[in-house]
């Protein structure tokens, strides 16, 4: 009877292990789907906030500045919308294991992490020369992205219109300042989103460990 119970117990343990593994896979799948749903919602919010900010700036300039300024802000806001779309498409194309060349300083969080935990390739590079090269290379690659042609094109268009109209700097047909402020609409959307996500970190009793649990595998 004891000999027969051992294989049965082993079979039960094997079934339990398989069930636990399946449960873990299901949990990981659910977390992945939840994360992708939150990311889709984030993209939708950023796009909507960009459009709202652009419309608000254009309407404000129409009321307090001029029709030309409102048109300039609307042109800049349109460029801002397409810039954001290209940026989001670039993020969509990144692999799940993507590691950037450099990251923003996050010293308060780093103090709670083990030394081997890194956020960028430059942090993992022991050679100081190669590390410095990466620090320069990362921003340079971003500056050469195709989306960067949008602000350049907006500035060139505004300058060309004003040049053709022979407008002085103090009385531009298409105010470049209005175009620039309209283009910064996506920045306003990003600031709002960052504030909503990170405002808890400004609380004196902010728990870094609890915050980091969101990003644990």
N, C-alpha and C. Protein backbone atom coordinates (compact mmCIF):
# COMPACT_ATOMS: atom_id res chain seq x y z
N UNK A 1 0.84 -1.21 0.00
CA UNK A 1 0.00 0.00 0.00
C UNK A 1 0.87 1.25 0.00
N UNK A 2 2.01 1.23 0.78
CA UNK A 2 2.92 2.37 0.81
C UNK A 2 3.57 2.58 -0.54
N UNK A 3 3.92 1.45 -1.23
CA UNK A 3 4.56 1.58 -2.54
C UNK A 3 3.62 2.21 -3.54
N UNK A 4 2.33 1.90 -3.44
CA UNK A 4 1.37 2.48 -4.39
C UNK A 4 1.08 3.94 -4.09
N UNK A 5 1.22 4.35 -2.82
CA UNK A 5 0.91 5.72 -2.44
C UNK A 5 1.98 6.69 -2.92
N UNK A 6 3.25 6.20 -3.00
CA UNK A 6 4.35 7.08 -3.39
C UNK A 6 4.17 7.61 -4.81
N UNK A 7 3.89 6.71 -5.81
CA UNK A 7 3.68 7.24 -7.16
C UNK A 7 2.47 8.16 -7.24
N UNK A 8 1.44 7.85 -6.48
CA UNK A 8 0.25 8.70 -6.50
C UNK A 8 0.57 10.09 -5.96
N UNK A 9 1.36 10.09 -4.85
CA UNK A 9 1.74 11.37 -4.27
C UNK A 9 2.62 12.17 -5.23
N UNK A 10 3.52 11.46 -5.92
CA UNK A 10 4.40 12.13 -6.89
C UNK A 10 3.58 12.70 -8.04
N UNK A 11 2.54 11.92 -8.44
CA UNK A 11 1.68 12.42 -9.51
C UNK A 11 0.92 13.65 -9.09
N UNK A 12 0.46 13.65 -7.85
CA UNK A 12 -0.27 14.81 -7.34
C UNK A 12 0.63 16.04 -7.27
N UNK A 13 1.89 15.83 -6.82
CA UNK A 13 2.82 16.94 -6.74
C UNK A 13 3.15 17.49 -8.13
N UNK A 14 3.26 16.54 -9.10
CA UNK A 14 3.51 16.98 -10.48
C UNK A 14 2.36 17.78 -11.02
N UNK A 15 1.13 17.31 -10.75
CA UNK A 15 -0.05 18.06 -11.20
C UNK A 15 -0.11 19.42 -10.53
N UNK A 16 0.23 19.46 -9.23
CA UNK A 16 0.21 20.74 -8.52
C UNK A 16 1.24 21.70 -9.10
N UNK A 17 2.43 21.17 -9.43
CA UNK A 17 3.48 22.02 -10.02
C UNK A 17 3.06 22.55 -11.37
N UNK A 18 2.45 21.67 -12.18
CA UNK A 18 1.99 22.11 -13.50
C UNK A 18 0.88 23.15 -13.38
N UNK A 19 0.00 22.95 -12.39
CA UNK A 19 -1.08 23.92 -12.19
C UNK A 19 -0.52 25.26 -11.73
N UNK A 20 0.49 25.22 -10.85
CA UNK A 20 1.09 26.46 -10.37
C UNK A 20 1.78 27.19 -11.51
N UNK A 21 2.47 26.42 -12.38
CA UNK A 21 3.15 27.03 -13.52
C UNK A 21 2.14 27.64 -14.47
N UNK A 22 1.06 26.92 -14.71
CA UNK A 22 0.00 27.46 -15.57
C UNK A 22 -0.63 28.70 -14.97
N UNK A 23 -0.80 28.68 -13.64
CA UNK A 23 -1.35 29.86 -12.98
C UNK A 23 -0.42 31.05 -13.08
N UNK A 24 0.90 30.77 -12.97
CA UNK A 24 1.87 31.85 -13.12
C UNK A 24 1.86 32.44 -14.51
N UNK A 25 1.76 31.57 -15.53
CA UNK A 25 1.68 32.05 -16.91
C UNK A 25 0.43 32.89 -17.12
N UNK A 26 -0.69 32.43 -16.54
CA UNK A 26 -1.94 33.17 -16.69
C UNK A 26 -1.84 34.53 -16.02
N UNK A 27 -1.19 34.56 -14.84
CA UNK A 27 -1.03 35.83 -14.13
C UNK A 27 -0.15 36.78 -14.92
N UNK A 28 0.94 36.27 -15.50
CA UNK A 28 1.83 37.11 -16.30
C UNK A 28 1.09 37.64 -17.52
N UNK A 29 0.27 36.78 -18.12
CA UNK A 29 -0.49 37.20 -19.29
C UNK A 29 -1.49 38.30 -18.94
N UNK A 30 -2.13 38.14 -17.79
CA UNK A 30 -3.09 39.16 -17.34
C UNK A 30 -2.40 40.48 -17.06
N UNK A 31 -1.20 40.43 -16.42
CA UNK A 31 -0.45 41.65 -16.15
C UNK A 31 -0.03 42.34 -17.44
N UNK A 32 0.38 41.52 -18.42
CA UNK A 32 0.79 42.08 -19.71
C UNK A 32 -0.38 42.76 -20.39
N UNK A 33 -1.53 42.09 -20.41
CA UNK A 33 -2.71 42.68 -21.04
C UNK A 33 -3.16 43.94 -20.31
N UNK A 34 -3.07 43.92 -18.98
CA UNK A 34 -3.43 45.10 -18.20
C UNK A 34 -2.48 46.25 -18.50
N UNK A 35 -1.19 45.93 -18.60
CA UNK A 35 -0.21 46.97 -18.91
C UNK A 35 -0.43 47.57 -20.30
N UNK A 36 -0.76 46.73 -21.27
CA UNK A 36 -1.00 47.21 -22.63
C UNK A 36 -2.28 48.06 -22.68
N UNK A 37 -3.27 47.68 -21.89
CA UNK A 37 -4.50 48.46 -21.83
C UNK A 37 -4.23 49.83 -21.22
N UNK A 38 -3.41 49.87 -20.17
CA UNK A 38 -3.06 51.15 -19.55
C UNK A 38 -2.24 52.01 -20.52
N UNK A 39 -1.37 51.37 -21.29
CA UNK A 39 -0.56 52.10 -22.27
C UNK A 39 -1.45 52.69 -23.36
N UNK A 40 -2.42 51.92 -23.83
CA UNK A 40 -3.34 52.42 -24.85
C UNK A 40 -4.14 53.61 -24.31
N UNK A 41 -4.55 53.52 -23.04
CA UNK A 41 -5.27 54.62 -22.43
C UNK A 41 -4.38 55.85 -22.29
N UNK A 42 -3.12 55.63 -21.95
CA UNK A 42 -2.17 56.73 -21.84
C UNK A 42 -2.00 57.44 -23.17
N UNK A 43 -1.87 56.69 -24.25
CA UNK A 43 -1.72 57.30 -25.58
C UNK A 43 -2.96 58.12 -25.94
N UNK A 44 -4.11 57.57 -25.62
CA UNK A 44 -5.36 58.27 -25.91
C UNK A 44 -5.44 59.58 -25.13
N UNK A 45 -5.04 59.53 -23.85
CA UNK A 45 -5.09 60.73 -23.02
C UNK A 45 -4.11 61.79 -23.51
N UNK A 46 -2.90 61.38 -23.88
CA UNK A 46 -1.91 62.33 -24.37
C UNK A 46 -2.38 63.01 -25.65
N UNK A 47 -2.95 62.23 -26.55
CA UNK A 47 -3.44 62.78 -27.81
C UNK A 47 -4.58 63.76 -27.56
N UNK A 48 -5.51 63.37 -26.69
CA UNK A 48 -6.65 64.23 -26.39
C UNK A 48 -6.21 65.52 -25.70
N UNK A 49 -5.29 65.40 -24.73
CA UNK A 49 -4.82 66.59 -24.01
C UNK A 49 -4.05 67.52 -24.93
N UNK A 50 -3.32 66.96 -25.90
CA UNK A 50 -2.60 67.78 -26.87
C UNK A 50 -3.57 68.59 -27.71
N UNK A 51 -4.62 67.95 -28.17
CA UNK A 51 -5.63 68.65 -28.98
C UNK A 51 -6.32 69.74 -28.17
N UNK A 52 -6.65 69.44 -26.93
CA UNK A 52 -7.32 70.42 -26.07
C UNK A 52 -6.40 71.61 -25.81
N UNK A 53 -5.12 71.32 -25.51
CA UNK A 53 -4.17 72.40 -25.25
C UNK A 53 -3.98 73.28 -26.48
N UNK A 54 -3.87 72.65 -27.65
CA UNK A 54 -3.71 73.42 -28.89
C UNK A 54 -4.91 74.30 -29.17
N UNK A 55 -6.11 73.75 -28.97
CA UNK A 55 -7.33 74.53 -29.20
C UNK A 55 -7.43 75.68 -28.20
N UNK A 56 -7.04 75.42 -26.96
CA UNK A 56 -7.12 76.46 -25.93
C UNK A 56 -6.15 77.61 -26.23
N UNK A 57 -4.95 77.28 -26.65
CA UNK A 57 -3.96 78.31 -26.97
C UNK A 57 -4.43 79.13 -28.17
N UNK A 58 -4.95 78.45 -29.18
CA UNK A 58 -5.44 79.16 -30.36
C UNK A 58 -6.59 80.10 -30.02
N UNK A 59 -7.54 79.62 -29.23
CA UNK A 59 -8.68 80.45 -28.84
C UNK A 59 -8.23 81.64 -27.99
N UNK A 60 -7.28 81.41 -27.10
CA UNK A 60 -6.78 82.49 -26.25
C UNK A 60 -6.10 83.56 -27.08
N UNK A 61 -5.28 83.16 -28.03
CA UNK A 61 -4.59 84.12 -28.88
C UNK A 61 -5.58 84.89 -29.76
N UNK A 62 -6.64 84.23 -30.17
CA UNK A 62 -7.66 84.91 -30.98
C UNK A 62 -8.33 86.01 -30.17
N UNK A 63 -8.53 85.76 -28.88
CA UNK A 63 -9.22 86.73 -28.03
C UNK A 63 -8.32 87.88 -27.60
N UNK A 64 -7.05 87.58 -27.30
CA UNK A 64 -6.20 88.62 -26.71
C UNK A 64 -5.09 89.12 -27.63
N UNK A 65 -4.86 88.45 -28.76
CA UNK A 65 -3.75 88.83 -29.62
C UNK A 65 -4.27 89.24 -30.98
N UNK A 66 -4.41 88.27 -31.90
CA UNK A 66 -4.88 88.58 -33.26
C UNK A 66 -5.31 87.29 -33.94
N UNK A 67 -6.00 87.47 -35.06
CA UNK A 67 -6.40 86.31 -35.86
C UNK A 67 -5.17 85.59 -36.40
N UNK A 68 -4.15 86.36 -36.81
CA UNK A 68 -2.93 85.77 -37.34
C UNK A 68 -2.22 84.92 -36.28
N UNK A 69 -2.21 85.44 -35.05
CA UNK A 69 -1.59 84.67 -33.97
C UNK A 69 -2.35 83.39 -33.69
N UNK A 70 -3.68 83.46 -33.75
CA UNK A 70 -4.49 82.26 -33.56
C UNK A 70 -4.22 81.23 -34.64
N UNK A 71 -4.07 81.70 -35.89
CA UNK A 71 -3.75 80.78 -37.00
C UNK A 71 -2.37 80.17 -36.81
N UNK A 72 -1.42 81.01 -36.35
CA UNK A 72 -0.09 80.48 -36.09
C UNK A 72 -0.09 79.43 -35.01
N UNK A 73 -0.85 79.68 -33.94
CA UNK A 73 -0.94 78.70 -32.86
C UNK A 73 -1.61 77.42 -33.33
N UNK A 74 -2.63 77.56 -34.17
CA UNK A 74 -3.31 76.37 -34.71
C UNK A 74 -2.36 75.56 -35.59
N UNK A 75 -1.54 76.26 -36.39
CA UNK A 75 -0.55 75.57 -37.22
C UNK A 75 0.46 74.83 -36.34
N UNK A 76 0.93 75.51 -35.30
CA UNK A 76 1.86 74.86 -34.39
C UNK A 76 1.24 73.67 -33.66
N UNK A 77 -0.04 73.81 -33.28
CA UNK A 77 -0.73 72.71 -32.59
C UNK A 77 -0.90 71.51 -33.51
N UNK A 78 -1.16 71.76 -34.80
CA UNK A 78 -1.27 70.65 -35.75
C UNK A 78 0.07 69.92 -35.86
N UNK A 79 1.16 70.71 -35.92
CA UNK A 79 2.48 70.08 -35.93
C UNK A 79 2.74 69.31 -34.66
N UNK A 80 2.28 69.83 -33.53
CA UNK A 80 2.45 69.15 -32.25
C UNK A 80 1.73 67.81 -32.24
N UNK A 81 0.53 67.78 -32.81
CA UNK A 81 -0.25 66.54 -32.86
C UNK A 81 0.49 65.47 -33.66
N UNK A 82 0.99 65.84 -34.84
CA UNK A 82 1.68 64.85 -35.68
C UNK A 82 3.03 64.46 -35.08
N UNK A 83 3.67 65.39 -34.40
CA UNK A 83 4.93 65.07 -33.71
C UNK A 83 4.67 64.01 -32.65
N UNK A 84 3.61 64.19 -31.87
CA UNK A 84 3.27 63.23 -30.83
C UNK A 84 2.91 61.88 -31.43
N UNK A 85 2.18 61.88 -32.53
CA UNK A 85 1.81 60.62 -33.18
C UNK A 85 3.06 59.85 -33.62
N UNK A 86 4.02 60.55 -34.21
CA UNK A 86 5.26 59.90 -34.63
C UNK A 86 6.04 59.38 -33.42
N UNK A 87 6.04 60.14 -32.35
CA UNK A 87 6.73 59.71 -31.13
C UNK A 87 6.09 58.45 -30.57
N UNK A 88 4.77 58.40 -30.53
CA UNK A 88 4.08 57.22 -30.02
C UNK A 88 4.29 56.01 -30.92
N UNK A 89 4.33 56.23 -32.22
CA UNK A 89 4.60 55.14 -33.15
C UNK A 89 6.01 54.58 -32.94
N UNK A 90 6.93 55.47 -32.63
CA UNK A 90 8.30 55.02 -32.35
C UNK A 90 8.33 54.18 -31.08
N UNK A 91 7.61 54.61 -30.07
CA UNK A 91 7.55 53.85 -28.81
C UNK A 91 6.89 52.49 -29.06
N UNK A 92 5.85 52.46 -29.88
CA UNK A 92 5.18 51.20 -30.20
C UNK A 92 6.13 50.20 -30.84
N UNK A 93 7.10 50.70 -31.59
CA UNK A 93 8.03 49.82 -32.29
C UNK A 93 9.19 49.33 -31.45
N UNK A 94 9.32 49.81 -30.21
CA UNK A 94 10.43 49.39 -29.36
C UNK A 94 10.17 47.98 -28.81
N UNK A 95 11.22 47.16 -28.71
CA UNK A 95 11.03 45.83 -28.11
C UNK A 95 10.76 45.94 -26.62
N UNK A 96 10.18 44.89 -26.06
CA UNK A 96 9.84 44.91 -24.64
C UNK A 96 11.07 44.98 -23.75
N UNK A 97 12.21 44.50 -24.25
CA UNK A 97 13.44 44.52 -23.45
C UNK A 97 14.33 45.71 -23.81
N UNK A 98 13.74 46.74 -24.39
CA UNK A 98 14.52 47.91 -24.80
C UNK A 98 15.16 48.61 -23.60
N UNK A 99 16.42 48.97 -23.75
CA UNK A 99 17.14 49.72 -22.73
C UNK A 99 17.71 50.98 -23.38
N UNK A 100 17.41 52.17 -22.89
CA UNK A 100 17.91 53.40 -23.52
C UNK A 100 19.39 53.60 -23.26
N UNK A 101 20.00 54.47 -24.06
CA UNK A 101 21.41 54.81 -23.86
C UNK A 101 21.60 55.56 -22.54
N UNK A 102 20.74 56.53 -22.30
CA UNK A 102 20.83 57.34 -21.08
C UNK A 102 19.42 57.54 -20.52
N UNK A 103 19.35 57.90 -19.25
CA UNK A 103 18.07 58.20 -18.60
C UNK A 103 18.22 59.46 -17.77
N UNK A 104 17.09 59.99 -17.34
CA UNK A 104 17.11 61.14 -16.47
C UNK A 104 17.60 60.74 -15.07
N UNK A 105 18.20 61.67 -14.34
CA UNK A 105 18.64 61.34 -12.97
C UNK A 105 17.47 60.97 -12.06
N UNK A 106 17.60 59.87 -11.35
CA UNK A 106 16.55 59.42 -10.42
C UNK A 106 17.22 58.97 -9.12
N UNK A 107 17.98 59.87 -8.51
CA UNK A 107 18.81 59.52 -7.38
C UNK A 107 18.00 59.01 -6.19
N UNK A 108 16.83 59.59 -5.96
CA UNK A 108 16.04 59.19 -4.79
C UNK A 108 15.61 57.74 -4.90
N UNK A 109 15.27 57.30 -6.11
CA UNK A 109 14.88 55.91 -6.32
C UNK A 109 16.10 55.00 -6.33
N UNK A 110 17.20 55.46 -6.93
CA UNK A 110 18.41 54.65 -7.04
C UNK A 110 18.95 54.25 -5.67
N UNK A 111 18.79 55.13 -4.67
CA UNK A 111 19.31 54.83 -3.34
C UNK A 111 18.64 53.61 -2.73
N UNK A 112 17.43 53.30 -3.19
CA UNK A 112 16.69 52.16 -2.65
C UNK A 112 16.96 50.88 -3.44
N UNK A 113 17.71 50.99 -4.54
CA UNK A 113 17.93 49.84 -5.40
C UNK A 113 19.33 49.27 -5.21
N UNK A 114 19.51 47.99 -5.48
CA UNK A 114 20.86 47.41 -5.40
C UNK A 114 21.77 48.01 -6.48
N UNK A 115 23.08 48.01 -6.27
CA UNK A 115 24.00 48.63 -7.23
C UNK A 115 23.90 48.05 -8.64
N UNK A 116 23.56 46.75 -8.73
CA UNK A 116 23.51 46.12 -10.05
C UNK A 116 22.27 46.50 -10.85
N UNK A 117 21.30 47.15 -10.20
CA UNK A 117 20.09 47.58 -10.91
C UNK A 117 20.38 48.84 -11.71
N UNK A 118 20.20 48.78 -13.01
CA UNK A 118 20.50 49.92 -13.88
C UNK A 118 19.30 50.24 -14.76
N UNK A 119 19.27 51.46 -15.30
CA UNK A 119 18.18 51.91 -16.15
C UNK A 119 18.62 52.19 -17.59
N UNK A 120 19.93 52.23 -17.83
CA UNK A 120 20.41 52.59 -19.16
C UNK A 120 21.69 51.82 -19.50
N UNK A 121 22.02 51.80 -20.80
CA UNK A 121 23.22 51.12 -21.25
C UNK A 121 24.48 51.82 -20.76
N UNK A 122 24.42 53.14 -20.66
CA UNK A 122 25.61 53.87 -20.22
C UNK A 122 25.98 53.52 -18.78
N UNK A 123 24.99 53.19 -17.95
CA UNK A 123 25.27 52.81 -16.56
C UNK A 123 25.95 51.45 -16.48
N UNK A 124 25.72 50.61 -17.49
CA UNK A 124 26.29 49.26 -17.48
C UNK A 124 27.68 49.21 -18.10
N UNK A 125 28.10 50.31 -18.69
CA UNK A 125 29.39 50.34 -19.37
C UNK A 125 30.51 50.71 -18.39
N UNK A 126 31.47 49.81 -18.15
CA UNK A 126 32.55 50.11 -17.20
C UNK A 126 33.59 51.08 -17.75
N UNK A 127 33.75 51.09 -19.08
CA UNK A 127 34.75 51.97 -19.69
C UNK A 127 34.24 53.40 -19.71
N UNK A 128 34.99 54.30 -19.08
CA UNK A 128 34.53 55.68 -18.96
C UNK A 128 34.43 56.38 -20.31
N UNK A 129 35.33 56.07 -21.23
CA UNK A 129 35.29 56.68 -22.56
C UNK A 129 34.04 56.26 -23.31
N UNK A 130 33.75 54.96 -23.30
CA UNK A 130 32.57 54.46 -23.98
C UNK A 130 31.29 54.97 -23.31
N UNK A 131 31.34 55.11 -21.99
CA UNK A 131 30.18 55.64 -21.27
C UNK A 131 29.89 57.08 -21.70
N UNK A 132 30.96 57.90 -21.76
CA UNK A 132 30.79 59.29 -22.20
C UNK A 132 30.30 59.35 -23.63
N UNK A 133 30.78 58.43 -24.45
CA UNK A 133 30.33 58.38 -25.85
C UNK A 133 28.85 58.07 -25.94
N UNK A 134 28.38 57.15 -25.11
CA UNK A 134 26.96 56.80 -25.09
C UNK A 134 26.11 57.99 -24.62
N UNK A 135 26.61 58.71 -23.62
CA UNK A 135 25.87 59.86 -23.09
C UNK A 135 25.65 60.91 -24.18
N UNK A 136 26.63 61.05 -25.07
CA UNK A 136 26.50 62.00 -26.18
C UNK A 136 25.68 61.38 -27.32
N UNK A 137 25.89 60.11 -27.56
CA UNK A 137 25.26 59.42 -28.69
C UNK A 137 23.75 59.30 -28.52
N UNK A 138 23.30 59.09 -27.29
CA UNK A 138 21.87 58.92 -27.06
C UNK A 138 21.05 60.12 -27.49
N UNK A 139 21.31 61.32 -26.93
CA UNK A 139 20.56 62.51 -27.35
C UNK A 139 20.75 62.85 -28.82
N UNK A 140 21.95 62.57 -29.36
CA UNK A 140 22.20 62.87 -30.78
C UNK A 140 21.30 62.04 -31.68
N UNK A 141 21.14 60.76 -31.35
CA UNK A 141 20.27 59.90 -32.15
C UNK A 141 18.82 60.39 -32.10
N UNK A 142 18.40 60.85 -30.93
CA UNK A 142 17.04 61.37 -30.82
C UNK A 142 16.86 62.63 -31.65
N UNK A 143 17.90 63.47 -31.69
CA UNK A 143 17.81 64.72 -32.43
C UNK A 143 17.73 64.49 -33.93
N UNK A 144 18.16 63.31 -34.40
CA UNK A 144 18.16 63.01 -35.84
C UNK A 144 16.92 62.24 -36.27
N UNK A 145 15.96 62.08 -35.37
CA UNK A 145 14.72 61.38 -35.74
C UNK A 145 13.92 62.21 -36.74
N UNK A 146 13.13 61.53 -37.57
CA UNK A 146 12.37 62.22 -38.62
C UNK A 146 11.35 63.19 -38.04
N UNK A 147 10.84 62.92 -36.85
CA UNK A 147 9.84 63.81 -36.26
C UNK A 147 10.41 65.19 -35.97
N UNK A 148 11.75 65.28 -35.84
CA UNK A 148 12.36 66.56 -35.57
C UNK A 148 12.26 67.51 -36.75
N UNK A 149 11.89 66.98 -37.92
CA UNK A 149 11.69 67.84 -39.08
C UNK A 149 10.43 68.70 -38.94
N UNK A 150 9.52 68.28 -38.08
CA UNK A 150 8.27 69.04 -37.92
C UNK A 150 8.51 70.42 -37.33
N UNK A 151 9.20 70.57 -36.19
CA UNK A 151 9.45 71.93 -35.70
C UNK A 151 10.31 72.75 -36.65
N UNK A 152 11.26 72.09 -37.33
CA UNK A 152 12.09 72.80 -38.30
C UNK A 152 11.23 73.32 -39.44
N UNK A 153 10.31 72.46 -39.92
CA UNK A 153 9.41 72.87 -41.00
C UNK A 153 8.49 74.00 -40.60
N UNK A 154 7.99 73.96 -39.36
CA UNK A 154 7.11 75.02 -38.88
C UNK A 154 7.85 76.36 -38.81
N UNK A 155 9.08 76.32 -38.29
CA UNK A 155 9.87 77.55 -38.20
C UNK A 155 10.18 78.09 -39.59
N UNK A 156 10.51 77.18 -40.53
CA UNK A 156 10.81 77.61 -41.88
C UNK A 156 9.58 78.20 -42.56
N UNK A 157 8.41 77.59 -42.35
CA UNK A 157 7.17 78.08 -42.96
C UNK A 157 6.81 79.47 -42.43
N UNK A 158 6.92 79.65 -41.12
CA UNK A 158 6.61 80.95 -40.53
C UNK A 158 7.57 82.02 -41.05
N UNK A 159 8.85 81.68 -41.13
CA UNK A 159 9.85 82.63 -41.62
C UNK A 159 9.60 82.98 -43.08
N UNK A 160 9.23 81.97 -43.87
CA UNK A 160 8.98 82.20 -45.29
C UNK A 160 7.77 83.11 -45.50
N UNK A 161 6.70 82.88 -44.75
CA UNK A 161 5.50 83.72 -44.87
C UNK A 161 5.81 85.16 -44.51
N UNK A 162 6.53 85.34 -43.42
CA UNK A 162 6.87 86.69 -42.99
C UNK A 162 7.84 87.38 -43.96
N UNK A 163 8.74 86.60 -44.54
CA UNK A 163 9.67 87.17 -45.50
C UNK A 163 8.95 87.60 -46.77
N UNK A 164 8.03 86.78 -47.25
CA UNK A 164 7.28 87.13 -48.46
C UNK A 164 6.40 88.36 -48.25
N UNK A 165 5.91 88.52 -47.02
CA UNK A 165 5.07 89.68 -46.70
C UNK A 165 5.89 90.90 -46.30
N UNK A 166 7.23 90.69 -46.22
CA UNK A 166 8.13 91.78 -45.79
C UNK A 166 7.69 92.37 -44.46
N UNK A 167 7.29 91.49 -43.55
CA UNK A 167 6.78 91.93 -42.26
C UNK A 167 7.93 92.16 -41.28
N UNK A 168 7.92 93.26 -40.54
CA UNK A 168 8.95 93.49 -39.51
C UNK A 168 8.77 92.53 -38.35
N UNK A 169 9.81 92.41 -37.54
CA UNK A 169 9.76 91.47 -36.42
C UNK A 169 8.68 91.81 -35.41
N UNK A 170 8.36 93.10 -35.27
CA UNK A 170 7.36 93.49 -34.29
C UNK A 170 5.94 93.46 -34.83
N UNK A 171 5.79 93.08 -36.11
CA UNK A 171 4.45 93.02 -36.70
C UNK A 171 4.41 91.90 -37.74
N UNK A 172 4.64 90.68 -37.29
CA UNK A 172 4.72 89.55 -38.21
C UNK A 172 3.33 89.14 -38.69
N UNK A 173 3.27 88.72 -39.95
CA UNK A 173 2.00 88.21 -40.49
C UNK A 173 1.65 86.88 -39.81
N UNK A 174 2.65 86.05 -39.62
CA UNK A 174 2.46 84.78 -38.92
C UNK A 174 3.45 84.75 -37.75
N UNK A 175 3.01 85.20 -36.57
CA UNK A 175 3.92 85.32 -35.43
C UNK A 175 4.59 84.00 -35.08
N UNK A 176 5.91 84.02 -35.11
CA UNK A 176 6.66 82.80 -34.81
C UNK A 176 6.49 82.37 -33.36
N UNK A 177 6.32 83.32 -32.48
CA UNK A 177 6.10 82.97 -31.07
C UNK A 177 4.80 82.20 -30.90
N UNK A 178 3.77 82.59 -31.65
CA UNK A 178 2.48 81.89 -31.58
C UNK A 178 2.60 80.47 -32.12
N UNK A 179 3.35 80.33 -33.21
CA UNK A 179 3.57 78.99 -33.79
C UNK A 179 4.30 78.10 -32.78
N UNK A 180 5.33 78.66 -32.15
CA UNK A 180 6.10 77.90 -31.17
C UNK A 180 5.24 77.47 -29.99
N UNK A 181 4.47 78.40 -29.46
CA UNK A 181 3.62 78.06 -28.32
C UNK A 181 2.55 77.04 -28.69
N UNK A 182 2.05 77.13 -29.90
CA UNK A 182 1.10 76.12 -30.36
C UNK A 182 1.75 74.75 -30.47
N UNK A 183 3.00 74.74 -30.94
CA UNK A 183 3.71 73.46 -31.08
C UNK A 183 3.98 72.82 -29.73
N UNK A 184 4.11 73.62 -28.69
CA UNK A 184 4.39 73.09 -27.36
C UNK A 184 3.16 72.50 -26.68
N UNK A 185 2.08 72.37 -27.41
CA UNK A 185 0.85 71.80 -26.84
C UNK A 185 1.09 70.40 -26.30
N UNK A 186 1.89 69.60 -27.03
CA UNK A 186 2.13 68.24 -26.57
C UNK A 186 2.95 68.23 -25.28
N UNK A 187 3.75 69.27 -25.08
CA UNK A 187 4.51 69.37 -23.84
C UNK A 187 3.57 69.60 -22.66
N UNK A 188 2.56 70.42 -22.88
CA UNK A 188 1.57 70.65 -21.82
C UNK A 188 0.88 69.34 -21.45
N UNK A 189 0.54 68.54 -22.46
CA UNK A 189 -0.10 67.25 -22.21
C UNK A 189 0.84 66.33 -21.42
N UNK A 190 2.12 66.34 -21.77
CA UNK A 190 3.09 65.50 -21.06
C UNK A 190 3.26 65.94 -19.62
N UNK A 191 3.28 67.25 -19.40
CA UNK A 191 3.44 67.78 -18.04
C UNK A 191 2.25 67.36 -17.17
N UNK A 192 1.06 67.46 -17.72
CA UNK A 192 -0.13 67.05 -16.96
C UNK A 192 -0.07 65.57 -16.62
N UNK A 193 0.32 64.74 -17.61
CA UNK A 193 0.38 63.30 -17.38
C UNK A 193 1.46 62.95 -16.37
N UNK A 194 2.62 63.59 -16.47
CA UNK A 194 3.70 63.33 -15.51
C UNK A 194 3.29 63.75 -14.10
N UNK A 195 2.61 64.86 -14.01
CA UNK A 195 2.15 65.32 -12.69
C UNK A 195 1.19 64.31 -12.08
N UNK A 196 0.28 63.80 -12.87
CA UNK A 196 -0.68 62.83 -12.36
C UNK A 196 0.00 61.54 -11.90
N UNK A 197 1.09 61.16 -12.57
CA UNK A 197 1.77 59.92 -12.23
C UNK A 197 2.77 60.07 -11.08
N UNK A 198 3.41 61.23 -10.99
CA UNK A 198 4.52 61.38 -10.06
C UNK A 198 4.24 62.28 -8.85
N UNK A 199 3.05 62.82 -8.77
CA UNK A 199 2.78 63.74 -7.66
C UNK A 199 2.86 63.05 -6.31
N UNK A 200 2.68 61.72 -6.29
CA UNK A 200 2.79 61.00 -5.02
C UNK A 200 4.21 61.05 -4.48
N UNK A 201 5.18 61.27 -5.37
CA UNK A 201 6.57 61.30 -4.94
C UNK A 201 6.90 62.57 -4.16
N UNK A 202 6.03 63.58 -4.25
CA UNK A 202 6.26 64.83 -3.53
C UNK A 202 5.76 64.76 -2.10
N UNK A 203 5.03 63.71 -1.80
CA UNK A 203 4.53 63.55 -0.43
C UNK A 203 5.70 63.15 0.48
N UNK A 204 5.87 63.79 1.64
CA UNK A 204 7.01 63.49 2.51
C UNK A 204 7.13 62.02 2.89
N UNK A 205 6.01 61.33 3.06
CA UNK A 205 6.03 59.93 3.47
C UNK A 205 5.93 59.00 2.28
N UNK A 206 6.36 59.45 1.12
CA UNK A 206 6.32 58.63 -0.10
C UNK A 206 7.11 57.34 0.11
N UNK A 207 6.49 56.20 -0.19
CA UNK A 207 7.10 54.89 -0.03
C UNK A 207 7.68 54.45 -1.37
N UNK A 208 9.00 54.55 -1.50
CA UNK A 208 9.66 54.18 -2.76
C UNK A 208 9.48 52.70 -3.05
N UNK A 209 9.57 51.86 -2.01
CA UNK A 209 9.44 50.42 -2.21
C UNK A 209 8.09 50.06 -2.80
N UNK A 210 7.03 50.66 -2.27
CA UNK A 210 5.69 50.39 -2.79
C UNK A 210 5.56 50.88 -4.22
N UNK A 211 6.18 52.01 -4.52
CA UNK A 211 6.12 52.55 -5.88
C UNK A 211 6.83 51.63 -6.86
N UNK A 212 7.98 51.05 -6.45
CA UNK A 212 8.75 50.20 -7.34
C UNK A 212 8.10 48.86 -7.60
N UNK A 213 7.20 48.44 -6.71
CA UNK A 213 6.53 47.15 -6.90
C UNK A 213 5.74 47.11 -8.20
N UNK A 214 5.31 48.28 -8.69
CA UNK A 214 4.58 48.35 -9.95
C UNK A 214 5.41 47.85 -11.12
N UNK A 215 6.75 47.96 -10.99
CA UNK A 215 7.63 47.63 -12.10
C UNK A 215 8.39 46.34 -11.90
N UNK A 216 8.03 45.60 -10.84
CA UNK A 216 8.66 44.30 -10.64
C UNK A 216 8.02 43.27 -11.54
N UNK A 217 8.84 42.36 -12.01
CA UNK A 217 8.33 41.31 -12.89
C UNK A 217 7.60 40.24 -12.08
